[in-house]
Amino acid sequence: MNRIIGIDYGKKRTGLAVSDPLGMFASPLDTVPPAKIIEYLENYAAREGISLFVVGYPMNLDNTPSEAARYVDEFLARLRKHFPDIPVVLEDERFTSVLAHRAMIDGGMKKMDRRDKSVVDRISAAIILQSYLDRNN
């Protein structure tokens, strides 16, 4: 059964999350350098199958795209070019990093471990994906 992939795209790291086969729960998957993201997703799609991409889209508080949106737009063009048959949905990613830090604290993660930004990116991707899943189930 195909999975839904959540993506928290960044200039330095890209956090990934994946849904369970029923599309109910999101789990952190991996953190990948932006230059390797398409290759990673191609390999993943060959193994597991992907039915949908949910990409976090950076917005300002006034609901306009933030400065970082241009990098996400460039990534979206590459993603759609390499995966023309897989739909892409944009999800507001405001406050996901704050929520990720809160989840790590609430989960009892040690302060040193919380400094690992790749963990924050994976958890942010899971929050983005879970937000989409909750709204659409």
N, C-alpha and C. Protein backbone atom coordinates (compact mmCIF):
# COMPACT_ATOMS: atom_id res chain seq x y z
N MET A 1 0.85 -1.19 0.00
CA MET A 1 0.00 0.00 0.00
C MET A 1 0.89 1.24 0.00
N ASN A 2 0.52 2.22 -0.79
CA ASN A 2 1.33 3.44 -0.92
C ASN A 2 1.27 4.28 0.34
N ARG A 3 2.32 5.06 0.51
CA ARG A 3 2.45 5.93 1.68
C ARG A 3 2.34 7.40 1.26
N ILE A 4 2.03 8.23 2.23
CA ILE A 4 2.04 9.68 2.04
C ILE A 4 3.33 10.18 2.68
N ILE A 5 4.03 11.04 1.96
CA ILE A 5 5.30 11.57 2.45
C ILE A 5 5.12 13.04 2.83
N GLY A 6 5.56 13.38 4.04
CA GLY A 6 5.57 14.77 4.50
C GLY A 6 6.97 15.32 4.33
N ILE A 7 7.08 16.55 3.86
CA ILE A 7 8.38 17.15 3.57
C ILE A 7 8.48 18.52 4.21
N ASP A 8 9.53 18.71 5.01
CA ASP A 8 9.88 20.02 5.56
C ASP A 8 11.16 20.44 4.85
N TYR A 9 11.02 21.14 3.72
CA TYR A 9 12.17 21.48 2.88
C TYR A 9 12.92 22.67 3.47
N GLY A 10 14.25 22.56 3.47
CA GLY A 10 15.10 23.64 3.93
C GLY A 10 16.34 23.75 3.07
N LYS A 11 17.01 24.88 3.15
CA LYS A 11 18.22 25.10 2.36
C LYS A 11 19.37 24.20 2.80
N LYS A 12 19.41 23.83 4.08
CA LYS A 12 20.49 22.99 4.60
C LYS A 12 20.09 21.54 4.78
N ARG A 13 18.86 21.32 5.22
CA ARG A 13 18.37 19.96 5.50
C ARG A 13 16.90 19.88 5.11
N THR A 14 16.49 18.68 4.74
CA THR A 14 15.09 18.43 4.44
C THR A 14 14.61 17.30 5.33
N GLY A 15 13.63 17.62 6.18
CA GLY A 15 13.05 16.61 7.04
C GLY A 15 11.95 15.86 6.30
N LEU A 16 11.90 14.56 6.52
CA LEU A 16 10.89 13.72 5.88
C LEU A 16 10.12 12.93 6.92
N ALA A 17 8.84 12.74 6.63
CA ALA A 17 7.99 11.91 7.47
C ALA A 17 7.17 11.02 6.54
N VAL A 18 6.61 9.96 7.11
CA VAL A 18 5.84 9.02 6.31
C VAL A 18 4.58 8.62 7.07
N SER A 19 3.52 8.37 6.32
CA SER A 19 2.29 7.90 6.94
C SER A 19 2.32 6.38 7.07
N ASP A 20 1.46 5.88 7.93
CA ASP A 20 1.25 4.43 7.98
C ASP A 20 0.46 4.06 6.72
N PRO A 21 0.35 2.76 6.39
CA PRO A 21 -0.34 2.37 5.16
C PRO A 21 -1.80 2.85 5.08
N LEU A 22 -2.45 3.03 6.20
CA LEU A 22 -3.85 3.48 6.19
C LEU A 22 -3.98 5.01 6.12
N GLY A 23 -2.86 5.72 6.21
CA GLY A 23 -2.90 7.18 6.14
C GLY A 23 -3.49 7.85 7.35
N MET A 24 -3.26 7.25 8.53
CA MET A 24 -3.82 7.83 9.75
C MET A 24 -2.77 8.51 10.63
N PHE A 25 -1.55 7.96 10.64
CA PHE A 25 -0.51 8.44 11.54
C PHE A 25 0.76 8.80 10.78
N ALA A 26 1.42 9.87 11.21
CA ALA A 26 2.68 10.29 10.62
C ALA A 26 3.82 9.93 11.56
N SER A 27 4.92 9.48 10.98
CA SER A 27 6.13 9.17 11.75
C SER A 27 7.32 9.84 11.09
N PRO A 28 8.25 10.37 11.91
CA PRO A 28 9.48 10.91 11.32
C PRO A 28 10.20 9.81 10.53
N LEU A 29 10.77 10.18 9.39
CA LEU A 29 11.43 9.20 8.53
C LEU A 29 12.93 9.42 8.46
N ASP A 30 13.36 10.58 7.98
CA ASP A 30 14.79 10.80 7.75
C ASP A 30 15.04 12.29 7.55
N THR A 31 16.31 12.66 7.54
CA THR A 31 16.73 14.01 7.18
C THR A 31 17.75 13.85 6.06
N VAL A 32 17.55 14.61 4.98
CA VAL A 32 18.35 14.44 3.78
C VAL A 32 18.85 15.81 3.32
N PRO A 33 20.09 15.88 2.81
CA PRO A 33 20.54 17.15 2.24
C PRO A 33 19.69 17.51 1.02
N PRO A 34 19.38 18.78 0.80
CA PRO A 34 18.52 19.18 -0.32
C PRO A 34 19.01 18.67 -1.68
N ALA A 35 20.31 18.58 -1.87
CA ALA A 35 20.84 18.12 -3.15
C ALA A 35 20.53 16.65 -3.42
N LYS A 36 20.21 15.89 -2.37
CA LYS A 36 19.97 14.44 -2.50
C LYS A 36 18.50 14.06 -2.37
N ILE A 37 17.61 15.04 -2.19
CA ILE A 37 16.23 14.72 -1.85
C ILE A 37 15.50 13.98 -2.98
N ILE A 38 15.68 14.39 -4.22
CA ILE A 38 14.98 13.73 -5.33
C ILE A 38 15.45 12.29 -5.46
N GLU A 39 16.74 12.07 -5.39
CA GLU A 39 17.29 10.71 -5.45
C GLU A 39 16.75 9.85 -4.30
N TYR A 40 16.70 10.41 -3.11
CA TYR A 40 16.17 9.68 -1.95
C TYR A 40 14.71 9.29 -2.19
N LEU A 41 13.91 10.24 -2.66
CA LEU A 41 12.49 9.98 -2.88
C LEU A 41 12.28 8.97 -4.01
N GLU A 42 13.10 9.01 -5.04
CA GLU A 42 13.01 8.01 -6.12
C GLU A 42 13.26 6.61 -5.57
N ASN A 43 14.29 6.47 -4.76
CA ASN A 43 14.60 5.17 -4.15
C ASN A 43 13.48 4.71 -3.23
N TYR A 44 12.95 5.62 -2.45
CA TYR A 44 11.87 5.28 -1.53
C TYR A 44 10.62 4.86 -2.31
N ALA A 45 10.30 5.61 -3.35
CA ALA A 45 9.11 5.29 -4.16
C ALA A 45 9.24 3.92 -4.82
N ALA A 46 10.44 3.56 -5.21
CA ALA A 46 10.66 2.25 -5.84
C ALA A 46 10.43 1.12 -4.83
N ARG A 47 10.77 1.36 -3.57
CA ARG A 47 10.61 0.34 -2.52
C ARG A 47 9.20 0.28 -1.96
N GLU A 48 8.63 1.44 -1.65
CA GLU A 48 7.39 1.51 -0.89
C GLU A 48 6.18 2.00 -1.68
N GLY A 49 6.40 2.86 -2.62
CA GLY A 49 5.28 3.48 -3.31
C GLY A 49 4.82 4.72 -2.57
N ILE A 50 4.57 5.78 -3.30
CA ILE A 50 4.14 7.06 -2.71
C ILE A 50 2.86 7.48 -3.43
N SER A 51 1.83 7.80 -2.65
CA SER A 51 0.56 8.22 -3.24
C SER A 51 0.40 9.74 -3.23
N LEU A 52 1.13 10.44 -2.35
CA LEU A 52 0.94 11.88 -2.19
C LEU A 52 2.14 12.48 -1.47
N PHE A 53 2.50 13.71 -1.87
CA PHE A 53 3.50 14.49 -1.13
C PHE A 53 2.77 15.62 -0.42
N VAL A 54 3.05 15.81 0.87
CA VAL A 54 2.54 16.95 1.62
C VAL A 54 3.77 17.78 1.99
N VAL A 55 3.86 18.95 1.38
CA VAL A 55 5.05 19.80 1.53
C VAL A 55 4.71 20.99 2.40
N GLY A 56 5.52 21.22 3.42
CA GLY A 56 5.35 22.39 4.28
C GLY A 56 5.67 23.65 3.50
N TYR A 57 4.77 24.63 3.58
CA TYR A 57 4.96 25.88 2.85
C TYR A 57 5.08 27.03 3.85
N PRO A 58 6.20 27.75 3.79
CA PRO A 58 6.45 28.82 4.78
C PRO A 58 5.60 30.06 4.51
N MET A 59 4.82 30.43 5.52
CA MET A 59 3.93 31.58 5.42
C MET A 59 4.23 32.57 6.54
N ASN A 60 3.95 33.84 6.26
CA ASN A 60 4.02 34.88 7.29
C ASN A 60 2.72 34.88 8.07
N LEU A 61 2.70 35.61 9.16
CA LEU A 61 1.49 35.69 9.98
C LEU A 61 0.32 36.34 9.24
N ASP A 62 0.62 37.15 8.21
CA ASP A 62 -0.46 37.78 7.44
C ASP A 62 -0.90 36.92 6.24
N ASN A 63 -0.53 35.64 6.26
CA ASN A 63 -0.90 34.65 5.24
C ASN A 63 -0.28 34.90 3.87
N THR A 64 0.82 35.65 3.81
CA THR A 64 1.57 35.79 2.57
C THR A 64 2.77 34.84 2.64
N PRO A 65 3.26 34.38 1.49
CA PRO A 65 4.44 33.51 1.51
C PRO A 65 5.64 34.23 2.14
N SER A 66 6.39 33.52 2.95
CA SER A 66 7.56 34.12 3.59
C SER A 66 8.72 34.17 2.61
N GLU A 67 9.81 34.75 3.06
CA GLU A 67 11.01 34.87 2.23
C GLU A 67 11.54 33.50 1.80
N ALA A 68 11.41 32.51 2.66
CA ALA A 68 11.90 31.16 2.36
C ALA A 68 11.05 30.44 1.32
N ALA A 69 9.88 30.97 1.00
CA ALA A 69 8.97 30.30 0.07
C ALA A 69 9.59 30.13 -1.31
N ARG A 70 10.47 31.05 -1.71
CA ARG A 70 11.06 30.92 -3.05
C ARG A 70 11.90 29.66 -3.18
N TYR A 71 12.56 29.25 -2.08
CA TYR A 71 13.34 28.01 -2.12
C TYR A 71 12.42 26.80 -2.21
N VAL A 72 11.31 26.87 -1.52
CA VAL A 72 10.33 25.78 -1.57
C VAL A 72 9.71 25.72 -2.96
N ASP A 73 9.44 26.88 -3.57
CA ASP A 73 8.88 26.92 -4.92
C ASP A 73 9.83 26.24 -5.92
N GLU A 74 11.12 26.51 -5.80
CA GLU A 74 12.10 25.86 -6.67
C GLU A 74 12.09 24.34 -6.47
N PHE A 75 12.03 23.92 -5.20
CA PHE A 75 11.96 22.50 -4.90
C PHE A 75 10.68 21.88 -5.47
N LEU A 76 9.56 22.57 -5.32
CA LEU A 76 8.28 22.06 -5.83
C LEU A 76 8.34 21.82 -7.34
N ALA A 77 8.99 22.72 -8.06
CA ALA A 77 9.13 22.55 -9.51
C ALA A 77 9.92 21.27 -9.83
N ARG A 78 11.01 21.03 -9.10
CA ARG A 78 11.80 19.81 -9.31
C ARG A 78 11.01 18.57 -8.92
N LEU A 79 10.29 18.65 -7.80
CA LEU A 79 9.51 17.51 -7.33
C LEU A 79 8.44 17.13 -8.36
N ARG A 80 7.73 18.12 -8.86
CA ARG A 80 6.66 17.86 -9.84
C ARG A 80 7.23 17.34 -11.16
N LYS A 81 8.43 17.79 -11.52
CA LYS A 81 9.07 17.33 -12.76
C LYS A 81 9.45 15.85 -12.65
N HIS A 82 10.00 15.45 -11.50
CA HIS A 82 10.46 14.07 -11.32
C HIS A 82 9.34 13.10 -10.96
N PHE A 83 8.25 13.62 -10.40
CA PHE A 83 7.12 12.77 -9.99
C PHE A 83 5.81 13.35 -10.54
N PRO A 84 5.66 13.38 -11.86
CA PRO A 84 4.48 14.04 -12.44
C PRO A 84 3.16 13.36 -12.10
N ASP A 85 3.20 12.08 -11.73
CA ASP A 85 1.95 11.35 -11.45
C ASP A 85 1.56 11.34 -9.98
N ILE A 86 2.40 11.93 -9.13
CA ILE A 86 2.10 11.96 -7.70
C ILE A 86 1.66 13.36 -7.31
N PRO A 87 0.44 13.51 -6.78
CA PRO A 87 -0.04 14.84 -6.40
C PRO A 87 0.79 15.45 -5.26
N VAL A 88 0.81 16.77 -5.24
CA VAL A 88 1.52 17.53 -4.21
C VAL A 88 0.52 18.47 -3.55
N VAL A 89 0.48 18.43 -2.22
CA VAL A 89 -0.39 19.31 -1.44
C VAL A 89 0.51 20.18 -0.57
N LEU A 90 0.19 21.46 -0.48
CA LEU A 90 0.95 22.37 0.38
C LEU A 90 0.24 22.49 1.72
N GLU A 91 1.06 22.49 2.77
CA GLU A 91 0.54 22.59 4.14
C GLU A 91 1.27 23.73 4.85
N ASP A 92 0.54 24.59 5.49
CA ASP A 92 1.13 25.70 6.25
C ASP A 92 2.09 25.15 7.30
N GLU A 93 3.33 25.64 7.27
CA GLU A 93 4.32 25.11 8.22
C GLU A 93 4.66 26.10 9.33
N ARG A 94 3.84 27.13 9.51
CA ARG A 94 4.10 28.07 10.60
C ARG A 94 4.11 27.34 11.93
N PHE A 95 5.08 27.66 12.75
CA PHE A 95 5.22 27.18 14.13
C PHE A 95 5.57 25.69 14.24
N THR A 96 5.87 25.01 13.13
CA THR A 96 6.19 23.58 13.25
C THR A 96 7.48 23.34 14.01
N SER A 97 8.47 24.22 13.86
CA SER A 97 9.72 24.04 14.61
C SER A 97 9.49 24.22 16.11
N VAL A 98 8.65 25.18 16.46
CA VAL A 98 8.31 25.40 17.87
C VAL A 98 7.58 24.17 18.43
N LEU A 99 6.63 23.65 17.65
CA LEU A 99 5.90 22.46 18.07
C LEU A 99 6.82 21.24 18.17
N ALA A 100 7.79 21.15 17.26
CA ALA A 100 8.75 20.04 17.29
C ALA A 100 9.60 20.10 18.57
N HIS A 101 10.08 21.30 18.91
CA HIS A 101 10.85 21.44 20.14
C HIS A 101 10.00 21.07 21.36
N ARG A 102 8.75 21.51 21.37
CA ARG A 102 7.85 21.20 22.48
C ARG A 102 7.64 19.69 22.58
N ALA A 103 7.48 19.02 21.44
CA ALA A 103 7.28 17.57 21.44
C ALA A 103 8.51 16.85 21.99
N MET A 104 9.70 17.36 21.66
CA MET A 104 10.93 16.73 22.16
C MET A 104 11.04 16.91 23.67
N ILE A 105 10.70 18.09 24.16
CA ILE A 105 10.75 18.34 25.61
C ILE A 105 9.72 17.46 26.32
N ASP A 106 8.49 17.47 25.79
CA ASP A 106 7.42 16.67 26.40
C ASP A 106 7.74 15.18 26.36
N GLY A 107 8.50 14.77 25.34
CA GLY A 107 8.89 13.36 25.22
C GLY A 107 10.08 12.99 26.08
N GLY A 108 10.64 13.95 26.80
CA GLY A 108 11.74 13.66 27.70
C GLY A 108 13.11 13.63 27.04
N MET A 109 13.23 14.19 25.84
CA MET A 109 14.51 14.19 25.15
C MET A 109 15.48 15.11 25.87
N LYS A 110 16.71 14.65 26.03
CA LYS A 110 17.73 15.44 26.73
C LYS A 110 18.10 16.68 25.93
N LYS A 111 18.55 17.71 26.64
CA LYS A 111 18.87 19.00 26.03
C LYS A 111 19.90 18.86 24.91
N MET A 112 20.93 18.05 25.12
CA MET A 112 21.96 17.86 24.10
C MET A 112 21.36 17.26 22.83
N ASP A 113 20.46 16.30 23.00
CA ASP A 113 19.84 15.65 21.84
C ASP A 113 18.91 16.60 21.10
N ARG A 114 18.30 17.55 21.82
CA ARG A 114 17.39 18.51 21.19
C ARG A 114 18.13 19.51 20.31
N ARG A 115 19.44 19.61 20.47
CA ARG A 115 20.22 20.54 19.65
C ARG A 115 20.46 20.01 18.24
N ASP A 116 20.20 18.75 18.02
CA ASP A 116 20.39 18.14 16.70
C ASP A 116 19.26 18.62 15.78
N LYS A 117 19.60 19.54 14.89
CA LYS A 117 18.59 20.15 14.03
C LYS A 117 17.97 19.14 13.06
N SER A 118 18.67 18.06 12.74
CA SER A 118 18.09 17.07 11.84
C SER A 118 16.90 16.38 12.50
N VAL A 119 16.95 16.22 13.82
CA VAL A 119 15.81 15.63 14.55
C VAL A 119 14.63 16.59 14.49
N VAL A 120 14.89 17.88 14.69
CA VAL A 120 13.84 18.89 14.63
C VAL A 120 13.18 18.87 13.25
N ASP A 121 13.98 18.75 12.20
CA ASP A 121 13.43 18.73 10.83
C ASP A 121 12.55 17.52 10.58
N ARG A 122 12.95 16.36 11.08
CA ARG A 122 12.13 15.14 10.92
C ARG A 122 10.82 15.27 11.67
N ILE A 123 10.90 15.77 12.89
CA ILE A 123 9.68 15.93 13.70
C ILE A 123 8.77 17.00 13.08
N SER A 124 9.36 18.07 12.56
CA SER A 124 8.56 19.10 11.88
C SER A 124 7.83 18.51 10.68
N ALA A 125 8.52 17.67 9.92
CA ALA A 125 7.88 17.02 8.77
C ALA A 125 6.72 16.15 9.24
N ALA A 126 6.90 15.45 10.36
CA ALA A 126 5.82 14.61 10.90
C ALA A 126 4.64 15.47 11.35
N ILE A 127 4.90 16.64 11.93
CA ILE A 127 3.83 17.54 12.36
C ILE A 127 3.07 18.07 11.14
N ILE A 128 3.80 18.43 10.09
CA ILE A 128 3.17 18.90 8.85
C ILE A 128 2.27 17.81 8.28
N LEU A 129 2.80 16.59 8.20
CA LEU A 129 2.03 15.49 7.65
C LEU A 129 0.83 15.13 8.53
N GLN A 130 1.03 15.09 9.85
CA GLN A 130 -0.07 14.74 10.74
C GLN A 130 -1.18 15.78 10.68
N SER A 131 -0.82 17.03 10.53
CA SER A 131 -1.81 18.09 10.40
C SER A 131 -2.68 17.84 9.16
N TYR A 132 -2.05 17.48 8.06
CA TYR A 132 -2.78 17.16 6.84
C TYR A 132 -3.69 15.94 7.05
N LEU A 133 -3.13 14.89 7.64
CA LEU A 133 -3.89 13.65 7.85
C LEU A 133 -5.10 13.89 8.75
N ASP A 134 -4.91 14.65 9.82
CA ASP A 134 -6.01 14.92 10.75
C ASP A 134 -7.16 15.65 10.06
N ARG A 135 -6.82 16.58 9.20
CA ARG A 135 -7.83 17.35 8.51
C ARG A 135 -8.55 16.55 7.43
N ASN A 136 -7.90 15.53 6.90
CA ASN A 136 -8.46 14.80 5.76
C ASN A 136 -8.94 13.40 6.09
N ASN A 137 -8.97 13.03 7.36
CA ASN A 137 -9.49 11.69 7.75
C ASN A 137 -10.82 11.83 8.43
